[in-house]
Each structure stands twice: as C-alpha cells, then as structure tokens.
Amino acid sequence: MISYLLAGPAEEPVSLVETKGFLKVDDIADDALITTLIGAARMHVEGVTGRALLAQSWRVVLDAWPESRVVKLPVSPFIAVTEINAVDGAGALHAIPLAQFLGEPDRLLLPRSVAGMPLLRERQGIEIDYVAGFGTEPSDVPADIRQALLVLVGYWFEHRDAVIVAGSGAVVPSGFDRLVAGHKRVRL
C-alpha cells in the first residue's frame, strides 16, 4: 500500500493571532517564523499520532483488494471517500461506485463483491481517494492537541538554536507526549 497527500488542510488548527497571544508576542517581526513553526508543529503532531488534524485529501494505492475485505487507512480519522478508481491492464481508469463501501474511523470496509471492477493491471491497480481529519474547522480539533501544538511552537520559538542543530522533530518539551498520548494509533 502506498499513500499520497493530495491536498493539505485549508488552514492550521491554531491561528497566528492565537499563537502570538500564547507566546506573548506583540510585534510582527517574528510572524513568518511563528507561521512556519505552526505548520511544522502540526506536521509533527500528525506524524506522531497518525491522524490528520484538519480535513485533508489522501490517496491510497493498492495492487488488489485485501482478502480480509478491510482497507486500513494510513491516516485517520476517516471523514469520507471521494473517489475510487480501478486501473485496467491498458492503464484506463474506471470509476467504482462509492455507495457499496462503508467507512469506519480508520478503515474502509468492502462488500463481498465490488461492483464495476475491470480486470486490474498487475501493480497499483486501485486508487482510493479519501478525506481524513477531525473536521474542517480549528474548533473541531481536540483541545489537548491544540494545546500540544501551542506548547510545541512555544518551545521551538524559545529554543531556536536547539531546533536548528537537532531538527524540529528531535526537540520536544516535557509533557508534550502526555498531551498527544490519547490520540496515538495503537498497533497490535
């Protein structure tokens, strides 16, 4: 299974104004840096948790339907399937009717027999486009994750030298892991 980000979120879960208030920054001199840190913090939290914070479009590419009839989605929580295409041996796309599929927070459930399926090419014959995230508005993101973003941006803002040397993902403040722990995907 291969997954691609098709379109990121329309906005960040925390605004520049909200973050500057948290940081107690009044001037505009560091606005570009703070904006960059907000985006980096969102991507860090998404990477740690395996969850999209705000609605974003993803594509999953499969060689064939799994025998279990369950497609584990790499990014959750699942909002909706937008398109499923099957690619035949000649490379032509065939739209597959969406009504036959059911979605759960982190997976897509398949019917016993998928209607509209052509004879697939050998590799990468199925493309599933879906939307994942807690919602479309910053207020849809759980409060503890929003707080984790603010704490992370604040820490990186105050410890710029450490972030530059180690890379942003390597430096997190004490307590950050506890803020996001309840949202991490558990693999069994």
N, C-alpha and C. Protein backbone atom coordinates (compact mmCIF):
# COMPACT_ATOMS: atom_id res chain seq x y z
N MET A 1 0.85 -1.17 0.00
CA MET A 1 0.00 0.00 0.00
C MET A 1 0.90 1.24 0.00
N ILE A 2 0.55 2.17 -0.86
CA ILE A 2 1.25 3.45 -0.95
C ILE A 2 0.22 4.53 -0.67
N SER A 3 0.61 5.57 0.05
CA SER A 3 -0.33 6.67 0.28
C SER A 3 0.32 7.99 -0.09
N TYR A 4 -0.51 8.90 -0.59
CA TYR A 4 -0.06 10.23 -1.03
C TYR A 4 -0.98 11.29 -0.44
N LEU A 5 -0.40 12.38 -0.02
CA LEU A 5 -1.20 13.54 0.36
C LEU A 5 -1.57 14.28 -0.91
N LEU A 6 -2.86 14.43 -1.17
CA LEU A 6 -3.32 15.13 -2.37
C LEU A 6 -3.51 16.62 -2.10
N ALA A 7 -4.07 16.95 -0.94
CA ALA A 7 -4.30 18.35 -0.58
C ALA A 7 -4.29 18.47 0.94
N GLY A 8 -3.45 19.36 1.44
CA GLY A 8 -3.36 19.59 2.87
C GLY A 8 -4.54 20.38 3.38
N PRO A 9 -4.53 20.67 4.68
CA PRO A 9 -5.64 21.42 5.26
C PRO A 9 -5.70 22.85 4.73
N ALA A 10 -6.91 23.41 4.71
CA ALA A 10 -7.11 24.77 4.22
C ALA A 10 -6.52 25.81 5.18
N GLU A 11 -6.45 25.46 6.47
CA GLU A 11 -5.87 26.35 7.47
C GLU A 11 -5.24 25.51 8.56
N GLU A 12 -4.55 26.17 9.47
CA GLU A 12 -3.91 25.46 10.58
C GLU A 12 -4.86 25.37 11.77
N PRO A 13 -4.65 24.38 12.64
CA PRO A 13 -5.52 24.22 13.81
C PRO A 13 -5.43 25.35 14.83
N VAL A 14 -4.31 26.06 14.83
CA VAL A 14 -4.17 27.24 15.68
C VAL A 14 -3.76 28.40 14.78
N SER A 15 -4.31 29.58 15.03
CA SER A 15 -4.03 30.74 14.19
C SER A 15 -2.77 31.46 14.64
N LEU A 16 -2.27 32.32 13.79
CA LEU A 16 -1.12 33.15 14.13
C LEU A 16 -1.45 34.04 15.32
N VAL A 17 -2.64 34.64 15.32
CA VAL A 17 -3.06 35.53 16.41
C VAL A 17 -3.13 34.76 17.72
N GLU A 18 -3.75 33.58 17.70
CA GLU A 18 -3.86 32.76 18.90
C GLU A 18 -2.48 32.35 19.42
N THR A 19 -1.59 31.98 18.52
CA THR A 19 -0.25 31.55 18.90
C THR A 19 0.56 32.72 19.45
N LYS A 20 0.45 33.88 18.82
CA LYS A 20 1.18 35.05 19.33
C LYS A 20 0.68 35.43 20.73
N GLY A 21 -0.61 35.27 20.98
CA GLY A 21 -1.15 35.51 22.32
C GLY A 21 -0.57 34.53 23.32
N PHE A 22 -0.47 33.26 22.93
CA PHE A 22 0.11 32.24 23.81
C PHE A 22 1.58 32.55 24.10
N LEU A 23 2.29 33.03 23.07
CA LEU A 23 3.72 33.34 23.21
C LEU A 23 3.97 34.70 23.85
N LYS A 24 2.92 35.50 23.97
CA LYS A 24 3.03 36.88 24.46
C LYS A 24 3.97 37.71 23.57
N VAL A 25 3.74 37.59 22.26
CA VAL A 25 4.49 38.34 21.25
C VAL A 25 3.55 39.38 20.67
N ASP A 26 3.97 40.66 20.70
CA ASP A 26 3.11 41.75 20.22
C ASP A 26 3.48 42.26 18.84
N ASP A 27 4.77 42.21 18.49
CA ASP A 27 5.19 42.80 17.22
C ASP A 27 5.06 41.79 16.08
N ILE A 28 5.32 42.26 14.87
CA ILE A 28 5.17 41.40 13.69
C ILE A 28 6.50 40.86 13.18
N ALA A 29 7.59 41.18 13.86
CA ALA A 29 8.93 40.80 13.39
C ALA A 29 9.08 39.29 13.23
N ASP A 30 8.46 38.50 14.09
CA ASP A 30 8.62 37.04 14.04
C ASP A 30 7.42 36.31 13.45
N ASP A 31 6.53 37.03 12.79
CA ASP A 31 5.32 36.40 12.24
C ASP A 31 5.64 35.26 11.27
N ALA A 32 6.61 35.46 10.40
CA ALA A 32 6.96 34.42 9.42
C ALA A 32 7.51 33.18 10.14
N LEU A 33 8.36 33.39 11.13
CA LEU A 33 8.90 32.27 11.89
C LEU A 33 7.79 31.53 12.63
N ILE A 34 6.92 32.26 13.30
CA ILE A 34 5.83 31.63 14.06
C ILE A 34 4.91 30.85 13.12
N THR A 35 4.60 31.41 11.97
CA THR A 35 3.75 30.72 10.99
C THR A 35 4.41 29.42 10.54
N THR A 36 5.70 29.45 10.29
CA THR A 36 6.44 28.25 9.90
C THR A 36 6.42 27.22 11.02
N LEU A 37 6.61 27.67 12.26
CA LEU A 37 6.60 26.77 13.40
C LEU A 37 5.23 26.13 13.61
N ILE A 38 4.16 26.87 13.35
CA ILE A 38 2.80 26.31 13.47
C ILE A 38 2.63 25.14 12.49
N GLY A 39 3.03 25.36 11.25
CA GLY A 39 2.92 24.29 10.24
C GLY A 39 3.80 23.09 10.59
N ALA A 40 5.02 23.35 11.06
CA ALA A 40 5.92 22.26 11.45
C ALA A 40 5.37 21.49 12.64
N ALA A 41 4.79 22.21 13.61
CA ALA A 41 4.21 21.56 14.78
C ALA A 41 3.02 20.69 14.38
N ARG A 42 2.16 21.18 13.47
CA ARG A 42 1.03 20.38 13.00
C ARG A 42 1.53 19.10 12.35
N MET A 43 2.51 19.22 11.47
CA MET A 43 3.03 18.04 10.78
C MET A 43 3.69 17.07 11.77
N HIS A 44 4.36 17.61 12.79
CA HIS A 44 4.97 16.75 13.80
C HIS A 44 3.89 15.97 14.56
N VAL A 45 2.84 16.66 15.01
CA VAL A 45 1.75 16.00 15.74
C VAL A 45 1.07 14.97 14.85
N GLU A 46 0.84 15.31 13.59
CA GLU A 46 0.22 14.35 12.67
C GLU A 46 1.10 13.12 12.48
N GLY A 47 2.41 13.33 12.40
CA GLY A 47 3.33 12.21 12.25
C GLY A 47 3.39 11.32 13.48
N VAL A 48 3.36 11.93 14.66
CA VAL A 48 3.42 11.18 15.91
C VAL A 48 2.13 10.40 16.15
N THR A 49 1.00 10.99 15.81
CA THR A 49 -0.30 10.36 16.10
C THR A 49 -0.85 9.52 14.95
N GLY A 50 -0.43 9.78 13.72
CA GLY A 50 -1.02 9.10 12.57
C GLY A 50 -2.40 9.62 12.24
N ARG A 51 -2.71 10.82 12.71
CA ARG A 51 -4.03 11.41 12.50
C ARG A 51 -3.89 12.76 11.79
N ALA A 52 -4.82 13.02 10.89
CA ALA A 52 -4.91 14.34 10.27
C ALA A 52 -5.69 15.23 11.23
N LEU A 53 -5.19 16.42 11.48
CA LEU A 53 -5.88 17.29 12.42
C LEU A 53 -7.08 17.96 11.77
N LEU A 54 -6.87 18.59 10.63
CA LEU A 54 -7.98 19.19 9.88
C LEU A 54 -8.11 18.48 8.55
N ALA A 55 -9.29 18.54 7.96
CA ALA A 55 -9.60 17.79 6.74
C ALA A 55 -8.53 17.98 5.67
N GLN A 56 -8.05 16.86 5.17
CA GLN A 56 -7.09 16.84 4.08
C GLN A 56 -7.34 15.62 3.22
N SER A 57 -6.99 15.72 1.95
CA SER A 57 -7.27 14.65 0.99
C SER A 57 -6.06 13.75 0.81
N TRP A 58 -6.31 12.45 0.84
CA TRP A 58 -5.27 11.44 0.70
C TRP A 58 -5.65 10.45 -0.39
N ARG A 59 -4.64 9.82 -0.96
CA ARG A 59 -4.85 8.72 -1.92
C ARG A 59 -4.08 7.50 -1.43
N VAL A 60 -4.78 6.38 -1.42
CA VAL A 60 -4.17 5.09 -1.10
C VAL A 60 -4.16 4.29 -2.39
N VAL A 61 -3.02 3.68 -2.72
CA VAL A 61 -2.90 2.88 -3.93
C VAL A 61 -2.61 1.44 -3.52
N LEU A 62 -3.43 0.52 -4.04
CA LEU A 62 -3.31 -0.91 -3.74
C LEU A 62 -3.08 -1.69 -5.02
N ASP A 63 -2.45 -2.85 -4.88
CA ASP A 63 -2.31 -3.76 -6.02
C ASP A 63 -3.62 -4.49 -6.28
N ALA A 64 -4.32 -4.86 -5.20
CA ALA A 64 -5.59 -5.59 -5.30
C ALA A 64 -6.36 -5.38 -4.00
N TRP A 65 -7.63 -5.76 -3.99
CA TRP A 65 -8.42 -5.68 -2.76
C TRP A 65 -7.90 -6.71 -1.77
N PRO A 66 -7.78 -6.34 -0.49
CA PRO A 66 -7.33 -7.32 0.50
C PRO A 66 -8.37 -8.42 0.70
N GLU A 67 -7.90 -9.64 0.95
CA GLU A 67 -8.81 -10.77 1.16
C GLU A 67 -9.68 -10.57 2.40
N SER A 68 -9.19 -9.82 3.37
CA SER A 68 -9.96 -9.56 4.59
C SER A 68 -11.14 -8.62 4.35
N ARG A 69 -11.19 -8.00 3.17
CA ARG A 69 -12.22 -7.03 2.79
C ARG A 69 -12.18 -5.78 3.68
N VAL A 70 -11.00 -5.48 4.21
CA VAL A 70 -10.81 -4.29 5.04
C VAL A 70 -9.55 -3.57 4.56
N VAL A 71 -9.69 -2.29 4.22
CA VAL A 71 -8.54 -1.47 3.84
C VAL A 71 -8.21 -0.58 5.03
N LYS A 72 -7.06 -0.84 5.68
CA LYS A 72 -6.61 0.01 6.78
C LYS A 72 -6.11 1.31 6.18
N LEU A 73 -6.71 2.42 6.61
CA LEU A 73 -6.31 3.72 6.09
C LEU A 73 -5.12 4.25 6.89
N PRO A 74 -4.07 4.68 6.22
CA PRO A 74 -2.86 5.10 6.93
C PRO A 74 -3.03 6.39 7.73
N VAL A 75 -3.98 7.22 7.33
CA VAL A 75 -4.23 8.47 8.03
C VAL A 75 -5.71 8.49 8.42
N SER A 76 -5.98 8.79 9.66
CA SER A 76 -7.35 8.85 10.16
C SER A 76 -7.51 10.15 10.96
N PRO A 77 -8.65 10.50 11.47
CA PRO A 77 -9.93 9.81 11.36
C PRO A 77 -10.57 10.02 9.99
N PHE A 78 -11.18 8.97 9.52
CA PHE A 78 -11.84 8.94 8.22
C PHE A 78 -13.05 9.86 8.21
N ILE A 79 -13.17 10.69 7.18
CA ILE A 79 -14.36 11.54 7.01
C ILE A 79 -15.21 11.00 5.87
N ALA A 80 -14.62 10.81 4.68
CA ALA A 80 -15.40 10.36 3.52
C ALA A 80 -14.49 9.86 2.41
N VAL A 81 -15.03 8.94 1.62
CA VAL A 81 -14.37 8.53 0.37
C VAL A 81 -14.85 9.50 -0.70
N THR A 82 -13.94 10.03 -1.48
CA THR A 82 -14.33 10.95 -2.54
C THR A 82 -14.32 10.30 -3.92
N GLU A 83 -13.46 9.28 -4.08
CA GLU A 83 -13.37 8.64 -5.39
C GLU A 83 -12.60 7.34 -5.26
N ILE A 84 -13.04 6.33 -6.00
CA ILE A 84 -12.28 5.08 -6.12
C ILE A 84 -12.19 4.76 -7.60
N ASN A 85 -10.97 4.55 -8.05
CA ASN A 85 -10.74 4.20 -9.45
C ASN A 85 -9.98 2.89 -9.52
N ALA A 86 -10.33 2.09 -10.51
CA ALA A 86 -9.60 0.87 -10.82
C ALA A 86 -8.88 1.11 -12.15
N VAL A 87 -7.66 0.63 -12.23
CA VAL A 87 -6.85 0.81 -13.44
C VAL A 87 -6.73 -0.54 -14.13
N ASP A 88 -7.20 -0.60 -15.38
CA ASP A 88 -7.15 -1.88 -16.11
C ASP A 88 -5.76 -2.09 -16.72
N GLY A 89 -5.60 -3.22 -17.35
CA GLY A 89 -4.32 -3.59 -17.94
C GLY A 89 -3.80 -2.61 -18.98
N ALA A 90 -4.70 -1.86 -19.63
CA ALA A 90 -4.29 -0.86 -20.63
C ALA A 90 -4.00 0.50 -19.99
N GLY A 91 -4.21 0.62 -18.68
CA GLY A 91 -3.95 1.89 -18.00
C GLY A 91 -5.15 2.82 -17.93
N ALA A 92 -6.31 2.35 -18.37
CA ALA A 92 -7.51 3.20 -18.33
C ALA A 92 -8.13 3.17 -16.94
N LEU A 93 -8.61 4.33 -16.50
CA LEU A 93 -9.27 4.44 -15.20
C LEU A 93 -10.75 4.10 -15.32
N HIS A 94 -11.26 3.37 -14.32
CA HIS A 94 -12.68 3.03 -14.25
C HIS A 94 -13.18 3.47 -12.89
N ALA A 95 -14.15 4.38 -12.86
CA ALA A 95 -14.73 4.84 -11.60
C ALA A 95 -15.55 3.72 -10.98
N ILE A 96 -15.34 3.49 -9.71
CA ILE A 96 -16.07 2.44 -8.98
C ILE A 96 -17.15 3.13 -8.13
N PRO A 97 -18.40 2.66 -8.20
CA PRO A 97 -19.48 3.27 -7.41
C PRO A 97 -19.17 3.24 -5.90
N LEU A 98 -19.33 4.38 -5.24
CA LEU A 98 -18.92 4.52 -3.84
C LEU A 98 -19.94 3.99 -2.84
N ALA A 99 -21.21 3.90 -3.22
CA ALA A 99 -22.26 3.53 -2.27
C ALA A 99 -22.07 2.14 -1.67
N GLN A 100 -21.29 1.30 -2.31
CA GLN A 100 -21.10 -0.08 -1.84
C GLN A 100 -20.07 -0.21 -0.71
N PHE A 101 -19.37 0.88 -0.38
CA PHE A 101 -18.33 0.85 0.64
C PHE A 101 -18.81 1.49 1.94
N LEU A 102 -18.33 0.98 3.06
CA LEU A 102 -18.62 1.55 4.37
C LEU A 102 -17.31 2.03 4.99
N GLY A 103 -17.39 3.15 5.71
CA GLY A 103 -16.20 3.68 6.36
C GLY A 103 -16.31 3.65 7.86
N GLU A 104 -15.18 3.42 8.52
CA GLU A 104 -15.04 3.50 9.96
C GLU A 104 -13.91 4.47 10.25
N PRO A 105 -13.65 4.81 11.52
CA PRO A 105 -12.64 5.85 11.80
C PRO A 105 -11.27 5.64 11.17
N ASP A 106 -10.83 4.39 10.98
CA ASP A 106 -9.50 4.19 10.42
C ASP A 106 -9.45 3.11 9.33
N ARG A 107 -10.61 2.79 8.77
CA ARG A 107 -10.60 1.76 7.73
C ARG A 107 -11.83 1.86 6.83
N LEU A 108 -11.68 1.23 5.67
CA LEU A 108 -12.75 1.16 4.67
C LEU A 108 -13.17 -0.30 4.55
N LEU A 109 -14.47 -0.54 4.67
CA LEU A 109 -15.00 -1.90 4.60
C LEU A 109 -15.53 -2.18 3.20
N LEU A 110 -15.14 -3.31 2.64
CA LEU A 110 -15.50 -3.66 1.27
C LEU A 110 -16.67 -4.63 1.26
N PRO A 111 -17.48 -4.59 0.20
CA PRO A 111 -18.52 -5.60 0.04
C PRO A 111 -17.90 -6.93 -0.38
N ARG A 112 -18.71 -8.00 -0.36
CA ARG A 112 -18.20 -9.31 -0.78
C ARG A 112 -17.69 -9.27 -2.22
N SER A 113 -18.43 -8.56 -3.06
CA SER A 113 -18.04 -8.42 -4.46
C SER A 113 -18.15 -6.94 -4.82
N VAL A 114 -17.05 -6.37 -5.29
CA VAL A 114 -17.04 -4.95 -5.64
C VAL A 114 -17.57 -4.78 -7.05
N ALA A 115 -18.69 -4.05 -7.17
CA ALA A 115 -19.31 -3.83 -8.47
C ALA A 115 -18.50 -2.86 -9.30
N GLY A 116 -18.46 -3.10 -10.61
CA GLY A 116 -17.80 -2.19 -11.53
C GLY A 116 -16.31 -2.40 -11.70
N MET A 117 -15.81 -3.56 -11.25
CA MET A 117 -14.37 -3.81 -11.30
C MET A 117 -13.93 -4.38 -12.65
N PRO A 118 -12.97 -3.73 -13.30
CA PRO A 118 -12.38 -4.32 -14.52
C PRO A 118 -11.28 -5.30 -14.11
N LEU A 119 -10.68 -5.95 -15.07
CA LEU A 119 -9.51 -6.78 -14.81
C LEU A 119 -8.35 -5.82 -14.54
N LEU A 120 -7.82 -5.87 -13.32
CA LEU A 120 -6.81 -4.90 -12.89
C LEU A 120 -5.45 -5.16 -13.51
N ARG A 121 -4.69 -4.07 -13.65
CA ARG A 121 -3.29 -4.25 -14.03
C ARG A 121 -2.59 -4.90 -12.83
N GLU A 122 -1.41 -5.44 -13.07
CA GLU A 122 -0.72 -6.24 -12.06
C GLU A 122 -0.32 -5.44 -10.82
N ARG A 123 0.12 -4.22 -10.97
CA ARG A 123 0.58 -3.40 -9.85
C ARG A 123 -0.18 -2.08 -9.82
N GLN A 124 -0.47 -1.62 -8.62
CA GLN A 124 -1.10 -0.32 -8.39
C GLN A 124 -2.38 -0.16 -9.21
N GLY A 125 -3.27 -1.13 -9.06
CA GLY A 125 -4.49 -1.15 -9.84
C GLY A 125 -5.70 -0.48 -9.20
N ILE A 126 -5.57 -0.10 -7.91
CA ILE A 126 -6.71 0.51 -7.23
C ILE A 126 -6.25 1.81 -6.57
N GLU A 127 -7.00 2.89 -6.82
CA GLU A 127 -6.72 4.19 -6.22
C GLU A 127 -7.93 4.62 -5.40
N ILE A 128 -7.73 4.83 -4.11
CA ILE A 128 -8.80 5.25 -3.22
C ILE A 128 -8.48 6.65 -2.72
N ASP A 129 -9.32 7.61 -3.07
CA ASP A 129 -9.16 8.98 -2.59
C ASP A 129 -10.14 9.21 -1.45
N TYR A 130 -9.63 9.73 -0.34
CA TYR A 130 -10.49 9.95 0.81
C TYR A 130 -10.07 11.20 1.57
N VAL A 131 -10.95 11.65 2.43
CA VAL A 131 -10.69 12.82 3.28
C VAL A 131 -10.58 12.32 4.71
N ALA A 132 -9.54 12.80 5.41
CA ALA A 132 -9.33 12.43 6.81
C ALA A 132 -9.13 13.70 7.62
N GLY A 133 -9.52 13.65 8.88
CA GLY A 133 -9.32 14.77 9.79
C GLY A 133 -10.40 14.78 10.85
N PHE A 134 -10.19 15.59 11.87
CA PHE A 134 -11.19 15.72 12.92
C PHE A 134 -12.37 16.57 12.45
N GLY A 135 -12.17 17.37 11.41
CA GLY A 135 -13.22 18.22 10.86
C GLY A 135 -12.59 19.28 9.98
N THR A 136 -13.38 20.28 9.63
CA THR A 136 -12.90 21.34 8.73
C THR A 136 -12.55 22.63 9.45
N GLU A 137 -12.94 22.76 10.71
CA GLU A 137 -12.71 23.99 11.47
C GLU A 137 -11.70 23.74 12.59
N PRO A 138 -10.86 24.73 12.91
CA PRO A 138 -9.92 24.56 14.03
C PRO A 138 -10.59 24.12 15.33
N SER A 139 -11.82 24.55 15.56
CA SER A 139 -12.53 24.16 16.78
C SER A 139 -12.89 22.67 16.80
N ASP A 140 -12.81 21.99 15.66
CA ASP A 140 -13.08 20.55 15.59
C ASP A 140 -11.92 19.72 16.15
N VAL A 141 -10.72 20.32 16.21
CA VAL A 141 -9.54 19.62 16.70
C VAL A 141 -9.63 19.55 18.23
N PRO A 142 -9.41 18.37 18.83
CA PRO A 142 -9.49 18.25 20.28
C PRO A 142 -8.60 19.27 21.00
N ALA A 143 -9.08 19.74 22.14
CA ALA A 143 -8.39 20.79 22.89
C ALA A 143 -6.98 20.38 23.31
N ASP A 144 -6.78 19.11 23.68
CA ASP A 144 -5.45 18.70 24.11
C ASP A 144 -4.45 18.71 22.95
N ILE A 145 -4.90 18.44 21.76
CA ILE A 145 -4.00 18.51 20.61
C ILE A 145 -3.68 19.97 20.27
N ARG A 146 -4.68 20.84 20.35
CA ARG A 146 -4.43 22.27 20.11
C ARG A 146 -3.43 22.80 21.14
N GLN A 147 -3.58 22.37 22.39
CA GLN A 147 -2.64 22.79 23.44
C GLN A 147 -1.24 22.25 23.15
N ALA A 148 -1.16 21.00 22.71
CA ALA A 148 0.14 20.41 22.35
C ALA A 148 0.81 21.22 21.24
N LEU A 149 0.03 21.67 20.25
CA LEU A 149 0.59 22.50 19.18
C LEU A 149 1.17 23.80 19.73
N LEU A 150 0.40 24.46 20.59
CA LEU A 150 0.86 25.73 21.16
C LEU A 150 2.12 25.53 22.01
N VAL A 151 2.14 24.48 22.82
CA VAL A 151 3.30 24.18 23.66
C VAL A 151 4.52 23.91 22.79
N LEU A 152 4.33 23.13 21.73
CA LEU A 152 5.44 22.79 20.84
C LEU A 152 5.97 24.02 20.12
N VAL A 153 5.07 24.85 19.60
CA VAL A 153 5.51 26.09 18.94
C VAL A 153 6.24 26.98 19.94
N GLY A 154 5.71 27.10 21.14
CA GLY A 154 6.36 27.92 22.16
C GLY A 154 7.76 27.42 22.49
N TYR A 155 7.90 26.12 22.63
CA TYR A 155 9.20 25.54 22.95
C TYR A 155 10.19 25.77 21.81
N TRP A 156 9.75 25.50 20.60
CA TRP A 156 10.64 25.70 19.46
C TRP A 156 10.98 27.18 19.29
N PHE A 157 10.03 28.06 19.56
CA PHE A 157 10.27 29.50 19.44
C PHE A 157 11.33 29.95 20.45
N GLU A 158 11.25 29.44 21.66
CA GLU A 158 12.19 29.83 22.71
C GLU A 158 13.54 29.13 22.60
N HIS A 159 13.59 27.99 21.96
CA HIS A 159 14.84 27.20 21.84
C HIS A 159 15.23 27.04 20.38
N ARG A 160 15.26 28.14 19.68
CA ARG A 160 15.56 28.10 18.24
C ARG A 160 16.90 27.46 17.93
N ASP A 161 17.90 27.74 18.74
CA ASP A 161 19.24 27.21 18.48
C ASP A 161 19.24 25.69 18.55
N ALA A 162 18.54 25.09 19.50
CA ALA A 162 18.47 23.63 19.61
C ALA A 162 17.71 23.02 18.43
N VAL A 163 16.68 23.71 18.00
CA VAL A 163 15.88 23.21 16.89
C VAL A 163 16.68 23.23 15.59
N ILE A 164 17.46 24.26 15.38
CA ILE A 164 18.27 24.37 14.17
C ILE A 164 19.32 23.27 14.13
N VAL A 165 19.96 22.99 15.28
CA VAL A 165 21.01 21.98 15.34
C VAL A 165 20.43 20.56 15.22
N ALA A 166 19.37 20.25 15.98
CA ALA A 166 18.86 18.89 16.05
C ALA A 166 17.74 18.60 15.06
N GLY A 167 17.11 19.63 14.53
CA GLY A 167 15.93 19.43 13.69
C GLY A 167 14.70 19.48 14.56
N SER A 168 13.62 20.06 14.04
CA SER A 168 12.44 20.31 14.87
C SER A 168 11.82 19.06 15.47
N GLY A 169 11.83 17.95 14.76
CA GLY A 169 11.21 16.74 15.27
C GLY A 169 11.96 16.10 16.42
N ALA A 170 13.23 16.47 16.59
CA ALA A 170 14.04 15.85 17.63
C ALA A 170 13.90 16.55 18.98
N VAL A 171 13.35 17.75 19.01
CA VAL A 171 13.29 18.53 20.23
C VAL A 171 11.83 18.79 20.60
N VAL A 172 11.38 18.15 21.67
CA VAL A 172 10.01 18.37 22.15
C VAL A 172 10.07 18.66 23.65
N PRO A 173 9.14 19.48 24.14
CA PRO A 173 9.15 19.84 25.56
C PRO A 173 8.62 18.72 26.45
N SER A 174 9.00 18.80 27.70
CA SER A 174 8.47 17.87 28.71
C SER A 174 6.95 18.02 28.75
N GLY A 175 6.25 16.91 28.80
CA GLY A 175 4.80 16.92 28.86
C GLY A 175 4.11 16.84 27.51
N PHE A 176 4.85 17.09 26.43
CA PHE A 176 4.25 17.04 25.09
C PHE A 176 3.67 15.66 24.81
N ASP A 177 4.44 14.62 25.11
CA ASP A 177 3.99 13.25 24.83
C ASP A 177 2.69 12.91 25.57
N ARG A 178 2.51 13.44 26.78
CA ARG A 178 1.28 13.18 27.52
C ARG A 178 0.08 13.86 26.87
N LEU A 179 0.31 15.03 26.27
CA LEU A 179 -0.80 15.74 25.63
C LEU A 179 -1.34 15.00 24.40
N VAL A 180 -0.45 14.31 23.68
CA VAL A 180 -0.88 13.62 22.45
C VAL A 180 -1.07 12.12 22.64
N ALA A 181 -0.72 11.60 23.81
CA ALA A 181 -0.77 10.15 24.03
C ALA A 181 -2.13 9.53 23.76
N GLY A 182 -3.20 10.19 24.14
CA GLY A 182 -4.53 9.65 23.93
C GLY A 182 -4.97 9.59 22.48
N HIS A 183 -4.20 10.21 21.60
CA HIS A 183 -4.58 10.26 20.18
C HIS A 183 -3.66 9.42 19.30
N LYS A 184 -2.66 8.80 19.88
CA LYS A 184 -1.76 7.96 19.09
C LYS A 184 -2.48 6.69 18.69
N ARG A 185 -2.21 6.25 17.46
CA ARG A 185 -2.79 5.00 16.98
C ARG A 185 -2.02 3.85 17.58
N VAL A 186 -2.72 2.89 18.13
CA VAL A 186 -2.10 1.73 18.74
C VAL A 186 -2.11 0.61 17.72
N ARG A 187 -0.96 0.03 17.49
CA ARG A 187 -0.84 -1.09 16.56
C ARG A 187 -0.70 -2.38 17.37
N LEU A 188 -1.55 -3.34 17.08
CA LEU A 188 -1.49 -4.62 17.78
C LEU A 188 -0.99 -5.70 16.87
